[in-house]
């Protein structure tokens, strides 16, 4: 258990928020115009996959926030 606060947690949270904002903007700029004309039921799986894809690299990042190591 951690007894002292660490700088990695606030920096990590800011990094996650900034990363999600950039990811959302990239998706909105690049993907939305490309599939915007598709029917809603065809768009749903694409947005579902993209909405979950950002979680994949998050595990190592959270480990770094807690321990200072990437693995």
Protein backbone atom coordinates (compact mmCIF):
# COMPACT_ATOMS: atom_id res chain seq x y z
CA UNK A 1 0.00 0.00 0.00
CA UNK A 2 1.28 3.46 -0.92
CA UNK A 3 1.99 5.75 2.02
CA UNK A 4 3.15 8.84 0.12
CA UNK A 5 1.27 10.57 -2.70
CA UNK A 6 2.98 10.31 -6.07
CA UNK A 7 3.10 12.77 -8.96
CA UNK A 8 2.29 9.98 -11.43
CA UNK A 9 -1.40 9.77 -10.51
CA UNK A 10 -2.45 13.38 -11.26
CA UNK A 11 -0.17 13.44 -14.32
CA UNK A 12 -1.63 10.10 -15.41
CA UNK A 13 -5.22 11.27 -15.01
CA UNK A 14 -4.47 14.41 -17.02
CA UNK A 15 -2.81 12.23 -19.63
CA UNK A 16 -5.85 9.98 -19.86
CA UNK A 17 -8.21 12.95 -20.23
CA UNK A 18 -5.99 14.58 -22.85
CA UNK A 19 -5.54 11.29 -24.70
CA UNK A 20 -9.29 10.64 -24.77
CA UNK A 21 -9.95 14.16 -26.03
CA UNK A 22 -7.42 13.73 -28.83
CA UNK A 23 -8.80 10.27 -29.63
CA UNK A 24 -12.35 11.64 -29.77
CA UNK A 25 -11.35 14.51 -32.03
CA UNK A 26 -9.46 12.18 -34.37
CA UNK A 27 -12.46 9.85 -34.56
CA UNK A 28 -14.82 12.76 -35.17
CA UNK A 29 -12.63 14.27 -37.88
CA UNK A 30 -11.50 11.11 -39.67
CA UNK A 31 -14.16 8.45 -39.14
CA UNK A 32 -17.44 10.34 -38.78
CA UNK A 33 -17.42 11.89 -42.27
CA UNK A 34 -16.49 8.54 -43.78
CA UNK A 35 -19.38 6.57 -42.22
CA UNK A 36 -21.83 9.43 -41.68
CA UNK A 37 -23.95 8.45 -44.66
CA UNK A 38 -24.31 4.85 -43.50
CA UNK A 39 -27.54 3.71 -41.83
CA UNK A 40 -27.51 3.96 -38.04
CA UNK A 41 -27.48 0.18 -37.58
CA UNK A 42 -24.35 -0.05 -39.71
CA UNK A 43 -22.65 2.79 -37.82
CA UNK A 44 -23.38 1.30 -34.40
CA UNK A 45 -20.84 -1.57 -34.56
CA UNK A 46 -18.11 0.78 -35.79
CA UNK A 47 -18.68 3.23 -32.96
CA UNK A 48 -18.99 0.35 -30.48
CA UNK A 49 -15.56 -0.98 -31.48
CA UNK A 50 -14.03 2.50 -31.46
CA UNK A 51 -15.63 3.24 -28.10
CA UNK A 52 -13.99 0.19 -26.54
CA UNK A 53 -10.64 0.35 -28.41
CA UNK A 54 -9.21 3.11 -26.22
CA UNK A 55 -9.34 0.78 -23.21
CA UNK A 56 -6.83 -1.70 -24.65
CA UNK A 57 -3.62 0.29 -23.97
CA UNK A 58 -4.92 1.55 -20.62
CA UNK A 59 -3.76 -1.41 -18.49
CA UNK A 60 -0.04 -0.70 -18.82
CA UNK A 61 -0.65 3.00 -18.30
CA UNK A 62 -2.53 2.35 -15.05
CA UNK A 63 0.26 0.03 -13.89
CA UNK A 64 2.74 2.85 -14.54
CA UNK A 65 0.58 5.28 -12.56
CA UNK A 66 0.62 2.96 -9.54
CA UNK A 67 4.12 1.48 -9.64
CA UNK A 68 6.30 3.63 -11.90
CA UNK A 69 7.01 0.62 -14.14
CA UNK A 70 5.41 -0.15 -17.51
CA UNK A 71 4.94 -3.87 -16.96
